[in-house]
Protein backbone atom coordinates (compact mmCIF):
# COMPACT_ATOMS: atom_id res chain seq x y z
CA MET A 1 163.96 -3.52 58.01
CA THR A 2 161.81 -0.19 57.52
CA THR A 3 158.92 1.80 59.43
CA PRO A 4 156.09 2.35 57.65
CA VAL A 5 154.99 5.44 58.48
CA PHE A 6 151.01 7.05 58.23
CA LEU A 7 151.15 10.72 57.64
CA THR A 8 147.18 11.69 57.90
CA VAL A 9 145.56 14.55 58.41
CA ASP A 10 142.01 14.54 59.65
CA THR A 11 139.64 16.53 57.27
CA ALA A 12 136.51 17.48 58.39
CA LEU A 13 134.20 20.79 58.27
CA SER A 14 133.56 22.32 61.26
CA TRP A 15 131.21 21.79 64.01
CA ARG A 16 131.82 24.57 65.79
CA HIS A 17 131.75 27.10 63.04
CA HIS A 18 128.08 25.63 61.97
CA ALA A 19 127.68 25.33 65.53
CA ASP A 20 128.17 29.29 65.73
CA GLY A 21 126.49 30.37 62.65
CA ARG A 22 128.04 30.92 59.66
CA ASP A 23 126.96 30.55 56.62
CA LEU A 24 128.41 27.84 54.18
CA ALA A 25 131.47 29.10 52.60
CA ALA A 26 132.67 31.01 55.67
CA ILE A 27 132.39 27.10 57.54
CA VAL A 28 134.04 25.80 54.21
CA GLU A 29 136.76 27.75 54.43
CA ARG A 30 136.83 27.98 57.50
CA SER A 31 137.09 23.86 57.23
CA PHE A 32 139.25 23.33 54.83
CA ASP A 33 141.29 25.58 53.76
CA PRO A 34 141.83 28.47 56.59
CA ALA A 35 144.23 31.98 56.67
CA GLY A 36 145.17 29.57 53.42
CA VAL A 37 147.50 26.18 56.02
CA GLY A 38 144.70 24.14 55.28
CA ILE A 39 143.95 21.08 52.59
CA PRO A 40 146.36 22.80 49.25
CA TRP A 41 148.72 24.21 51.48
CA GLN A 42 149.69 20.61 53.31
CA LEU A 43 148.74 18.82 50.07
CA ASP A 44 151.92 21.20 48.48
CA GLN A 45 154.34 21.10 51.21
CA MET A 46 153.95 16.56 50.53
CA ALA A 47 154.43 17.26 47.02
CA ARG A 48 157.24 19.68 47.40
CA HIS A 49 158.73 16.64 50.14
CA GLY A 50 157.66 13.27 48.00
CA LEU A 51 156.13 12.41 50.71
CA LYS A 52 152.43 10.59 51.10
CA GLY A 53 149.55 11.45 52.87
CA VAL A 54 146.61 10.19 54.20
CA PHE A 55 143.00 11.73 53.71
CA PHE A 56 140.55 11.26 56.60
CA VAL A 57 137.73 12.82 55.31
CA ASP A 58 134.32 12.92 57.14
CA PRO A 59 131.84 13.37 54.31
CA MET A 60 128.87 13.36 56.84
CA PRO A 61 128.23 17.16 56.93
CA ALA A 62 126.53 16.76 52.97
CA LEU A 63 123.76 15.23 55.12
CA ALA A 64 123.20 18.72 55.63
CA PHE A 65 124.67 20.95 53.21
CA GLY A 66 124.46 18.56 49.84
CA LEU A 67 127.42 16.61 48.67
CA GLU A 68 129.01 19.54 46.01
CA PRO A 69 131.50 21.04 49.64
CA ILE A 70 133.13 17.06 49.96
CA ARG A 71 133.37 16.93 46.58
CA ARG A 72 135.06 19.81 45.98
CA VAL A 73 137.40 18.64 49.13
CA VAL A 74 137.87 15.04 47.77
CA ASP A 75 138.63 16.32 43.94
CA THR A 76 141.33 18.35 45.56
CA ILE A 77 142.96 15.10 47.99
CA LEU A 78 143.05 13.01 44.04
CA ASP A 79 143.92 15.96 42.49
CA ALA A 80 147.25 15.65 44.61
CA GLY A 81 148.04 12.08 43.97
CA GLN A 82 147.22 11.93 47.55
CA GLU A 83 144.62 9.23 49.78
CA VAL A 84 141.15 9.40 50.64
CA GLN A 85 140.58 7.66 53.33
CA LEU A 86 137.01 7.31 55.51
CA GLN A 87 135.24 9.99 58.85
CA LEU A 88 132.73 9.90 61.12
CA HIS A 89 131.67 12.89 62.74
CA PRO A 90 128.32 11.60 64.25
CA VAL A 91 127.03 14.69 65.07
CA TRP A 92 125.96 15.80 61.51
CA ALA A 93 123.69 13.04 61.51
CA GLY A 94 120.17 15.16 61.75
CA ALA A 95 121.60 18.20 61.67
CA ALA A 96 120.23 20.98 58.92
CA ALA A 97 121.76 23.75 57.63
CA GLY A 98 121.20 27.72 58.97
CA ASP A 99 119.83 26.26 61.89
CA ALA A 100 123.75 26.65 63.77
CA GLY A 101 123.52 22.98 65.62
CA ALA A 102 120.11 23.40 67.44
CA GLN A 103 119.43 19.77 66.07
CA HIS A 104 122.03 17.11 65.95
CA GLY A 105 123.36 13.32 66.48
CA ARG A 106 125.45 11.80 69.72
CA PHE A 107 129.19 13.65 69.15
CA ALA A 108 131.37 10.40 69.84
CA LEU A 109 130.28 7.55 67.68
CA GLY A 110 131.11 5.24 70.37
CA ASP A 111 128.08 6.20 71.96
CA TYR A 112 125.73 4.09 69.36
CA ASP A 113 124.93 -0.04 69.77
CA ALA A 114 126.42 -1.78 67.15
CA THR A 115 123.34 -2.02 64.69
CA ALA A 116 123.11 1.39 64.54
CA GLN A 117 127.73 2.55 64.40
CA HIS A 118 127.21 -0.59 61.11
CA ASP A 119 124.73 1.29 59.31
CA LEU A 120 126.40 4.99 59.78
CA ILE A 121 129.22 3.32 58.54
CA ALA A 122 127.73 1.69 55.87
CA GLY A 123 125.89 5.05 55.41
CA ALA A 124 129.13 7.25 55.58
CA ARG A 125 131.27 4.29 53.20
CA ASP A 126 128.47 5.34 50.63
CA LEU A 127 128.44 9.43 50.62
CA LEU A 128 132.53 10.02 50.54
CA VAL A 129 131.96 7.14 47.19
CA ALA A 130 129.18 9.59 46.15
CA ALA A 131 131.50 12.71 46.42
CA GLY A 132 134.42 10.57 44.14
CA ALA A 133 136.41 8.28 46.75
CA PRO A 134 136.94 5.30 45.54
CA SER A 135 135.94 2.66 48.20
CA PRO A 136 137.43 2.96 51.41
CA ILE A 137 139.10 0.74 53.30
CA ALA A 138 140.78 2.10 56.30
CA PHE A 139 138.67 4.22 59.25
CA ARG A 140 138.67 6.75 61.83
CA ALA A 141 135.78 7.96 63.89
CA GLY A 142 135.69 11.20 65.02
CA ASP A 143 138.20 12.33 68.12
CA PHE A 144 139.09 8.83 67.90
CA ALA A 145 136.40 8.19 70.02
CA ALA A 146 135.62 4.20 69.34
CA ASN A 147 134.59 1.42 70.83
CA ASP A 148 135.31 -2.63 69.47
CA ASP A 149 131.73 -2.72 67.97
CA THR A 150 132.96 0.31 66.01
CA LEU A 151 135.92 -2.27 64.87
CA ARG A 152 133.19 -5.97 64.29
CA ALA A 153 131.20 -2.51 61.61
CA LEU A 154 134.20 -1.80 59.81
CA ALA A 155 135.12 -6.21 59.53
CA ALA A 156 131.36 -6.75 58.27
CA LEU A 157 132.13 -3.60 56.01
CA ASP A 158 135.02 -4.96 54.43
CA PHE A 159 136.83 -2.54 56.14
CA ASP A 160 140.64 -4.16 56.27
CA TYR A 161 141.77 -1.23 59.04
CA ASP A 162 141.58 1.38 61.56
CA SER A 163 143.28 4.24 63.26
CA SER A 164 141.29 5.76 66.15
CA CYS A 165 143.09 3.71 68.72
CA ASN A 166 144.45 6.85 70.75
CA GLY A 167 146.28 6.74 73.77
CA GLY A 168 146.85 10.09 74.53
CA GLU A 169 142.69 11.37 74.01
CA GLN A 170 140.42 11.12 77.46
CA ARG A 171 137.40 9.51 75.33
CA ARG A 172 138.49 6.16 74.43
CA ALA A 173 136.80 2.81 74.67
CA LEU A 174 138.72 0.11 72.22
CA GLY A 175 139.77 -2.69 74.40
CA LEU A 176 143.31 -1.81 73.82
CA SER A 177 145.93 -0.53 76.51
CA PRO A 178 146.54 2.80 75.99
CA ARG A 179 150.11 2.59 75.33
CA GLN A 180 149.41 1.18 72.52
CA ILE A 181 150.73 1.73 69.63
CA ALA A 182 151.91 -0.85 67.46
CA PRO A 183 149.50 -2.14 65.14
CA VAL A 184 148.00 -4.95 66.75
CA ALA A 185 144.71 -8.00 65.20
CA HIS A 186 142.23 -6.75 67.40
CA CYS A 187 138.39 -6.93 66.60
CA GLY A 188 138.67 -8.67 62.84
CA VAL A 189 140.56 -4.81 61.38
CA SER A 190 144.48 -4.47 61.71
CA GLU A 191 143.98 -1.45 64.23
CA VAL A 192 146.72 1.25 63.11
CA PRO A 193 147.18 3.78 66.80
CA VAL A 194 148.30 7.25 66.83
CA THR A 195 151.81 7.26 68.26
CA LEU A 196 152.74 8.15 71.82
CA ILE A 197 154.92 9.41 73.09
CA GLU A 198 155.49 9.71 77.69
CA GLU A 199 155.56 13.37 77.96
CA ARG A 200 156.00 12.93 81.91
CA VAL A 201 155.56 9.05 83.40
CA SER A 202 152.83 7.55 82.55
CA THR A 203 151.07 10.88 81.17
CA LEU A 204 150.68 10.13 77.38
CA CYS A 205 150.84 12.12 74.84
CA ASN A 206 150.52 11.63 70.92
CA PHE A 207 152.32 12.72 68.09
CA ARG A 208 150.09 15.42 66.65
CA ILE A 209 151.26 18.77 65.32
CA SER A 210 148.73 20.64 67.47
CA ALA A 211 150.07 18.93 70.58
CA LEU A 212 154.41 17.62 69.84
CA SER A 213 157.01 20.77 69.38
CA SER A 214 159.71 19.63 66.60
CA GLY A 215 162.51 18.47 68.55
CA GLU A 216 160.01 15.57 70.35
CA MET A 217 158.66 14.94 66.91
CA ARG A 218 162.53 14.41 65.80
CA ALA A 219 163.48 12.43 69.32
CA ALA A 220 159.80 10.09 68.66
CA LEU A 221 160.96 9.56 64.74
CA ASP A 222 164.40 8.56 66.55
CA HIS A 223 163.08 6.27 68.70
CA ALA A 224 161.18 4.40 66.17
CA GLU A 225 164.09 4.49 63.92
CA ALA A 226 166.59 2.67 66.19
CA ARG A 227 164.06 0.32 67.99
CA ASN A 228 162.62 -0.67 65.07
CA HIS A 229 158.80 0.34 66.19
CA ALA A 230 156.88 -1.95 63.43
CA ALA A 231 154.80 1.49 62.36
CA VAL A 232 154.77 5.50 63.17
CA THR A 233 151.43 6.65 62.54
CA ILE A 234 150.91 11.15 62.54
CA VAL A 235 148.13 13.32 62.49
CA SER A 236 147.65 17.08 61.48
CA GLY A 237 143.84 18.26 60.83
CA SER A 238 142.36 20.63 57.67
CA CYS A 239 142.22 23.30 60.43
CA ALA A 240 145.06 22.20 62.75
CA LEU A 241 147.18 24.98 61.51
CA ALA A 242 144.49 27.91 61.51
CA ASN A 243 143.93 29.74 65.19
CA ARG A 244 141.23 27.63 65.78
CA ALA A 245 138.67 31.08 64.89
CA GLY A 246 140.30 30.05 60.91
CA THR A 247 140.73 33.55 60.21
CA ARG A 248 144.77 33.62 60.45
CA ALA A 249 147.96 30.81 60.53
CA ASN A 250 149.24 30.11 64.33
CA GLY A 251 153.02 30.38 63.11
CA ILE A 252 154.41 27.31 65.56
CA HIS A 253 152.10 24.84 63.80
CA VAL A 254 152.49 26.10 60.26
CA ARG A 255 156.63 25.37 60.96
CA ARG A 256 155.96 22.47 62.70
CA PHE A 257 154.57 21.14 59.54
CA ALA A 258 157.35 22.33 57.56
CA ALA A 259 160.18 20.43 59.31
CA LEU A 260 158.14 17.38 60.09
CA CYS A 261 157.91 17.28 56.22
CA ALA A 262 161.96 17.83 55.91
CA MET A 263 162.29 15.26 58.76
CA LEU A 264 160.40 13.19 57.14
CA ALA A 265 161.78 13.19 53.69
CA GLU A 266 165.21 13.04 54.99
CA ARG A 267 164.10 9.36 56.50
CA ARG A 268 162.30 8.03 53.70
CA SER A 269 165.29 4.77 53.28
CA SER A 270 164.27 3.76 57.13
CA LEU A 271 161.07 5.91 57.56
CA PRO A 272 158.97 5.36 53.92
CA THR A 273 155.36 7.51 54.39
CA CYS A 274 152.44 5.29 52.89
CA TRP A 275 148.86 4.36 51.94
CA PHE A 276 146.72 2.30 53.39
CA GLY A 277 146.32 1.12 50.01
CA ASP A 278 149.66 0.09 49.42
CA ARG A 279 148.84 -2.75 52.42
CA PRO A 280 152.22 -2.63 53.68
CA ALA A 281 153.77 -5.46 55.58
CA LEU A 282 153.12 -4.33 58.69
CA ARG A 283 154.36 -6.16 61.72
CA LEU A 284 150.68 -6.98 63.99
CA GLY A 285 151.13 -7.07 67.85
CA GLN A 286 154.38 -6.01 68.24
CA ASP A 287 155.62 -4.89 71.78
CA ASP A 288 156.52 -1.16 70.67
CA VAL A 289 156.51 1.04 73.34
CA PRO A 290 156.80 4.87 73.44
CA LEU A 291 159.90 7.51 74.02
CA GLU A 292 160.54 8.10 76.95
CA PRO A 293 160.07 11.13 79.18
CA HIS A 294 162.94 14.21 79.11
CA HIS A 295 162.42 17.26 81.10
CA LEU A 296 163.76 19.97 78.91
CA ARG A 297 161.42 18.45 75.38
CA THR A 298 158.69 18.84 77.28
CA GLY A 299 159.54 21.68 78.92
CA TRP A 300 160.27 23.95 75.70
CA ARG A 301 156.74 22.33 73.93
CA GLN A 302 155.34 23.74 77.22
CA ALA A 303 156.42 27.44 76.66
CA GLU A 304 155.39 27.18 72.55
CA GLN A 305 152.40 26.77 73.87
CA LEU A 306 152.56 29.09 75.86
CA TRP A 307 153.03 31.59 73.74
CA SER A 308 150.52 29.96 70.58
CA ASN A 309 147.67 30.30 73.52
CA MET A 310 148.85 33.44 74.12
CA VAL A 311 149.47 35.02 70.68
CA GLU A 312 149.15 32.57 68.09
CA GLU A 313 145.24 31.43 68.83
CA ARG A 314 144.85 35.48 68.53
CA ALA A 315 141.41 36.31 66.62
CA ALA A 316 142.86 38.18 62.69
């Protein structure tokens, strides 16, 4: 039995660059293709290795800047033969071009009441479709800041999947265990959590390019394959492979992404990448557990992270 892999890429204009007062051209470049390792480069890596990728695109900045930047990134993804689904950062509600972030909505979707969440999601879906995407069936809250009202709103709006459950993030309010990694039916949708490993006893770390070393990613995939996990969900980001300023590539993160693509290509028979639109037969509610701690793996990643913070994150 195979374990479907969702290789997901959070794709959004960075609020940080808007709040820094940068113009639209700079915001778009540093968000969607920073230092040449953004969406086009990641699409190219997926194509080279024959992988399927899911791009959770946030259309909310169109409220401030118009649809054109969103349309361009949606076209780029679809032209590469990959999937677009919906992400939503509500901070862009009420934002205005050129005001350096003075006006904005709440940062966490879960901070809105149920009715407001329903309306925000419906509006974001309409913006994404207006930007050229097929009607989405899967959703991820920006910063994973969803709660059960979010999922109920998704069900009412005919979404089939959510992927906001992430026990490795502090901001979590879904009524699920922080250790939940197997897909599960919850509040009317299929919840597809981000995969986790245990870096220390009772300390969870999510399967993100910026969070795990190549060795940890390989071990997590081996663990999922050996234990016949119901799914693996991996997170990258449109600006995850560059430094925070978006001015130079983070070599460690770039190498991790390339290594991950090679690993997934090697394992395509047992860990095939898929789209939500494939509607893979998910084994809901399976009792999958995160990879157990290993001090050598964790120690190597901590050394990598120190180098990343001291060297790779410097602005060009």
